[in-house]
Amino acid sequence: MDEKLKKRIVAFYMGGIFNALVGLYLLIEGVPFLDPGTVRILAVAFLVFALVDFVIPRVIRRGWEARAGQQAGEKQRPSGPVTKL
């Protein structure tokens, strides 16, 4: 796998961890500072972004694996027309 792609995947995971921590912090400690409805909305938004940050790397990795498999399949096939004798 390309190093650039690995760095992008790690960045998504780090962003997901950060978003999940902020969402949980808001749920636990946010009520004294903000209205409970606002806390729920913000926490849900951060947790949804965390979910997206954990799903996107899987999509990226599957796409890369599909392209790598497709390229490997093209290398195994004969390049010219096949004639029957």
C-alpha atoms as a PDB file:
ATOM      1  CA  MET A   1       0.000   0.000   0.000  1.00  0.00           C
ATOM      2  CA  ASP A   2       1.217   3.488  -0.797  1.00  0.00           C
ATOM      3  CA  GLU A   3       2.708   5.475   2.110  1.00  0.00           C
ATOM      4  CA  LYS A   4       0.539   8.463   1.239  1.00  0.00           C
ATOM      5  CA  LEU A   5      -2.552   6.283   1.539  1.00  0.00           C
ATOM      6  CA  LYS A   6      -1.403   4.852   4.873  1.00  0.00           C
ATOM      7  CA  LYS A   7      -0.900   8.359   6.260  1.00  0.00           C
ATOM      8  CA  ARG A   8      -4.381   9.360   5.107  1.00  0.00           C
ATOM      9  CA  ILE A   9      -5.920   6.310   6.790  1.00  0.00           C
ATOM     10  CA  VAL A  10      -4.058   7.028  10.047  1.00  0.00           C
ATOM     11  CA  ALA A  11      -5.224  10.659   9.920  1.00  0.00           C
ATOM     12  CA  PHE A  12      -8.851   9.529   9.598  1.00  0.00           C
ATOM     13  CA  TYR A  13      -8.464   7.183  12.569  1.00  0.00           C
ATOM     14  CA  MET A  14      -6.881   9.937  14.676  1.00  0.00           C
ATOM     15  CA  GLY A  15      -9.688  12.303  13.731  1.00  0.00           C
ATOM     16  CA  GLY A  16     -12.235   9.657  14.667  1.00  0.00           C
ATOM     17  CA  ILE A  17     -10.666   9.141  18.073  1.00  0.00           C
ATOM     18  CA  PHE A  18     -10.603  12.898  18.677  1.00  0.00           C
ATOM     19  CA  ASN A  19     -14.243  13.317  17.617  1.00  0.00           C
ATOM     20  CA  ALA A  20     -15.340  10.396  19.797  1.00  0.00           C
ATOM     21  CA  LEU A  21     -13.502  11.803  22.823  1.00  0.00           C
ATOM     22  CA  VAL A  22     -15.003  15.270  22.339  1.00  0.00           C
ATOM     23  CA  GLY A  23     -18.485  13.769  21.913  1.00  0.00           C
ATOM     24  CA  LEU A  24     -18.148  11.702  25.083  1.00  0.00           C
ATOM     25  CA  TYR A  25     -16.719  14.679  26.976  1.00  0.00           C
ATOM     26  CA  LEU A  26     -19.711  16.755  25.955  1.00  0.00           C
ATOM     27  CA  LEU A  27     -22.102  14.045  27.135  1.00  0.00           C
ATOM     28  CA  ILE A  28     -20.356  13.724  30.496  1.00  0.00           C
ATOM     29  CA  GLU A  29     -19.271  17.283  31.322  1.00  0.00           C
ATOM     30  CA  GLY A  30     -21.288  19.486  28.986  1.00  0.00           C
ATOM     31  CA  VAL A  31     -24.561  19.708  30.905  1.00  0.00           C
ATOM     32  CA  PRO A  32     -23.377  22.257  33.530  1.00  0.00           C
ATOM     33  CA  PHE A  33     -22.166  24.614  30.793  1.00  0.00           C
ATOM     34  CA  LEU A  34     -24.818  24.261  28.102  1.00  0.00           C
ATOM     35  CA  ASP A  35     -28.497  23.502  27.687  1.00  0.00           C
ATOM     36  CA  PRO A  36     -29.110  19.699  27.711  1.00  0.00           C
ATOM     37  CA  GLY A  37     -30.685  19.816  24.232  1.00  0.00           C
ATOM     38  CA  THR A  38     -27.655  21.627  22.833  1.00  0.00           C
ATOM     39  CA  VAL A  39     -25.320  19.143  24.509  1.00  0.00           C
ATOM     40  CA  ARG A  40     -27.167  16.214  22.907  1.00  0.00           C
ATOM     41  CA  ILE A  41     -27.081  17.792  19.453  1.00  0.00           C
ATOM     42  CA  LEU A  42     -23.365  18.591  19.671  1.00  0.00           C
ATOM     43  CA  ALA A  43     -22.491  15.184  21.117  1.00  0.00           C
ATOM     44  CA  VAL A  44     -24.454  13.351  18.432  1.00  0.00           C
ATOM     45  CA  ALA A  45     -22.779  15.459  15.727  1.00  0.00           C
ATOM     46  CA  PHE A  46     -19.294  14.632  17.056  1.00  0.00           C
ATOM     47  CA  LEU A  47     -20.122  10.950  17.424  1.00  0.00           C
ATOM     48  CA  VAL A  48     -21.517  10.794  13.871  1.00  0.00           C
ATOM     49  CA  PHE A  49     -18.342  12.423  12.562  1.00  0.00           C
ATOM     50  CA  ALA A  50     -16.334   9.867  14.550  1.00  0.00           C
ATOM     51  CA  LEU A  51     -18.313   7.060  12.922  1.00  0.00           C
ATOM     52  CA  VAL A  52     -17.663   8.536   9.485  1.00  0.00           C
ATOM     53  CA  ASP A  53     -13.951   8.845  10.317  1.00  0.00           C
ATOM     54  CA  PHE A  54     -13.834   5.129  11.104  1.00  0.00           C
ATOM     55  CA  VAL A  55     -15.807   4.065   8.010  1.00  0.00           C
ATOM     56  CA  ILE A  56     -13.898   6.085   5.398  1.00  0.00           C
ATOM     57  CA  PRO A  57     -10.550   4.246   5.894  1.00  0.00           C
ATOM     58  CA  ARG A  58     -12.286   0.933   5.265  1.00  0.00           C
ATOM     59  CA  VAL A  59     -13.749   2.298   2.033  1.00  0.00           C
ATOM     60  CA  ILE A  60     -10.343   3.647   0.974  1.00  0.00           C
ATOM     61  CA  ARG A  61      -8.640   0.324   1.756  1.00  0.00           C
ATOM     62  CA  ARG A  62     -11.278  -1.712  -0.114  1.00  0.00           C
ATOM     63  CA  GLY A  63     -10.973   0.559  -3.139  1.00  0.00           C
ATOM     64  CA  TRP A  64      -7.204   0.198  -3.117  1.00  0.00           C
ATOM     65  CA  GLU A  65      -7.464  -3.603  -2.797  1.00  0.00           C
ATOM     66  CA  ALA A  66      -9.945  -3.740  -5.686  1.00  0.00           C
ATOM     67  CA  ARG A  67      -7.680  -1.645  -7.913  1.00  0.00           C
ATOM     68  CA  ALA A  68      -4.633  -3.721  -6.944  1.00  0.00           C
ATOM     69  CA  GLY A  69      -6.505  -6.947  -7.714  1.00  0.00           C
ATOM     70  CA  GLN A  70      -7.703  -5.551 -11.020  1.00  0.00           C
ATOM     71  CA  GLN A  71      -4.175  -4.555 -12.004  1.00  0.00           C
ATOM     72  CA  ALA A  72      -2.850  -7.984 -10.990  1.00  0.00           C
ATOM     73  CA  GLY A  73      -5.544  -9.641 -13.118  1.00  0.00           C
ATOM     74  CA  GLU A  74      -4.584  -7.535 -16.130  1.00  0.00           C
ATOM     75  CA  LYS A  75      -0.943  -8.583 -15.779  1.00  0.00           C
ATOM     76  CA  GLN A  76      -1.865 -12.275 -15.825  1.00  0.00           C
ATOM     77  CA  ARG A  77      -3.993 -12.096 -18.962  1.00  0.00           C
ATOM     78  CA  PRO A  78      -2.367 -12.425 -22.371  1.00  0.00           C
ATOM     79  CA  SER A  79      -2.060  -9.086 -24.098  1.00  0.00           C
ATOM     80  CA  GLY A  80      -2.801 -10.179 -27.640  1.00  0.00           C
ATOM     81  CA  PRO A  81      -5.837 -11.825 -29.207  1.00  0.00           C
ATOM     82  CA  VAL A  82      -6.286 -15.502 -28.490  1.00  0.00           C
ATOM     83  CA  THR A  83      -6.535 -17.673 -31.602  1.00  0.00           C
ATOM     84  CA  LYS A  84      -7.824 -21.216 -31.734  1.00  0.00           C
ATOM     85  CA  LEU A  85      -5.841 -23.749 -33.667  1.00  0.00           C
END
